[in-house]
């Protein structure tokens, strides 16, 4: 966890959302939860594609 959280935070803040998604590997932490992490650390401006929470409802739509 000590490596995954800072690494994915940096990837998100650099706009590399796909890389962050691939890098996130913590047992027992699924997509709905780690994409919340991405959304919470995404401090880029409104002119960027922001990290979104990708849960079951979003996938179904």
C-alpha atoms as a PDB file:
ATOM      1  CA  UNK A   1       0.000   0.000   0.000  1.00  0.00           C
ATOM      2  CA  UNK A   2       2.886   2.380   0.729  1.00  0.00           C
ATOM      3  CA  UNK A   3       3.968   2.204  -2.897  1.00  0.00           C
ATOM      4  CA  UNK A   4       0.580   1.945  -4.602  1.00  0.00           C
ATOM      5  CA  UNK A   5      -1.121   4.997  -3.104  1.00  0.00           C
ATOM      6  CA  UNK A   6       1.599   7.588  -3.842  1.00  0.00           C
ATOM      7  CA  UNK A   7       2.294   6.085  -7.256  1.00  0.00           C
ATOM      8  CA  UNK A   8      -1.330   6.130  -8.365  1.00  0.00           C
ATOM      9  CA  UNK A   9      -1.861   9.601  -6.861  1.00  0.00           C
ATOM     10  CA  UNK A  10       1.036  10.915  -8.936  1.00  0.00           C
ATOM     11  CA  UNK A  11      -0.255   9.219 -12.085  1.00  0.00           C
ATOM     12  CA  UNK A  12      -3.722  10.705 -11.596  1.00  0.00           C
ATOM     13  CA  UNK A  13      -2.332  14.182 -10.962  1.00  0.00           C
ATOM     14  CA  UNK A  14      -0.180  13.893 -14.080  1.00  0.00           C
ATOM     15  CA  UNK A  15      -3.284  13.000 -16.107  1.00  0.00           C
ATOM     16  CA  UNK A  16      -2.271   9.372 -16.661  1.00  0.00           C
ATOM     17  CA  UNK A  17      -5.534   7.781 -15.567  1.00  0.00           C
ATOM     18  CA  UNK A  18      -5.056   4.564 -17.539  1.00  0.00           C
ATOM     19  CA  UNK A  19      -1.650   4.052 -15.946  1.00  0.00           C
ATOM     20  CA  UNK A  20      -3.104   4.641 -12.482  1.00  0.00           C
ATOM     21  CA  UNK A  21      -5.829   2.091 -13.198  1.00  0.00           C
ATOM     22  CA  UNK A  22      -3.237  -0.503 -14.251  1.00  0.00           C
ATOM     23  CA  UNK A  23      -0.984   0.257 -11.273  1.00  0.00           C
ATOM     24  CA  UNK A  24      -3.616  -0.137  -8.569  1.00  0.00           C
ATOM     25  CA  UNK A  25      -3.136  -3.620  -7.148  1.00  0.00           C
ATOM     26  CA  UNK A  26      -4.251  -4.029  -3.549  1.00  0.00           C
ATOM     27  CA  UNK A  27      -5.889  -7.281  -2.543  1.00  0.00           C
ATOM     28  CA  UNK A  28      -9.500  -6.799  -1.549  1.00  0.00           C
ATOM     29  CA  UNK A  29      -9.804  -3.293  -2.997  1.00  0.00           C
ATOM     30  CA  UNK A  30     -11.998  -3.264  -6.071  1.00  0.00           C
ATOM     31  CA  UNK A  31     -12.676  -0.751  -8.815  1.00  0.00           C
ATOM     32  CA  UNK A  32     -15.480   1.170  -7.035  1.00  0.00           C
ATOM     33  CA  UNK A  33     -13.195   1.903  -4.105  1.00  0.00           C
ATOM     34  CA  UNK A  34      -9.932   2.662  -5.853  1.00  0.00           C
ATOM     35  CA  UNK A  35     -11.609   4.946  -8.362  1.00  0.00           C
ATOM     36  CA  UNK A  36     -12.918   6.922  -5.360  1.00  0.00           C
ATOM     37  CA  UNK A  37      -9.276   7.291  -4.372  1.00  0.00           C
ATOM     38  CA  UNK A  38      -8.499   8.601  -7.852  1.00  0.00           C
ATOM     39  CA  UNK A  39     -11.362  11.115  -7.714  1.00  0.00           C
ATOM     40  CA  UNK A  40     -10.311  12.349  -4.283  1.00  0.00           C
ATOM     41  CA  UNK A  41      -6.662  12.978  -5.244  1.00  0.00           C
ATOM     42  CA  UNK A  42      -7.415  14.497  -8.654  1.00  0.00           C
ATOM     43  CA  UNK A  43      -6.675  18.162  -8.038  1.00  0.00           C
ATOM     44  CA  UNK A  44      -6.326  19.185 -11.673  1.00  0.00           C
ATOM     45  CA  UNK A  45      -8.322  22.097 -13.022  1.00  0.00           C
ATOM     46  CA  UNK A  46     -11.737  22.001 -14.625  1.00  0.00           C
ATOM     47  CA  UNK A  47     -10.154  22.116 -18.083  1.00  0.00           C
ATOM     48  CA  UNK A  48      -8.967  18.480 -17.727  1.00  0.00           C
ATOM     49  CA  UNK A  49     -10.767  15.159 -17.974  1.00  0.00           C
ATOM     50  CA  UNK A  50     -11.182  14.425 -14.272  1.00  0.00           C
ATOM     51  CA  UNK A  51     -10.987  11.015 -12.626  1.00  0.00           C
ATOM     52  CA  UNK A  52     -14.486   9.605 -12.159  1.00  0.00           C
ATOM     53  CA  UNK A  53     -15.831   7.005  -9.765  1.00  0.00           C
ATOM     54  CA  UNK A  54     -16.422   3.851 -11.764  1.00  0.00           C
ATOM     55  CA  UNK A  55     -18.925   1.705  -9.902  1.00  0.00           C
ATOM     56  CA  UNK A  56     -21.525  -0.796 -11.033  1.00  0.00           C
ATOM     57  CA  UNK A  57     -24.146   1.836 -11.801  1.00  0.00           C
ATOM     58  CA  UNK A  58     -21.793   3.752 -14.065  1.00  0.00           C
ATOM     59  CA  UNK A  59     -20.772   0.580 -15.872  1.00  0.00           C
ATOM     60  CA  UNK A  60     -24.404  -0.374 -16.468  1.00  0.00           C
ATOM     61  CA  UNK A  61     -25.174   3.006 -17.976  1.00  0.00           C
END
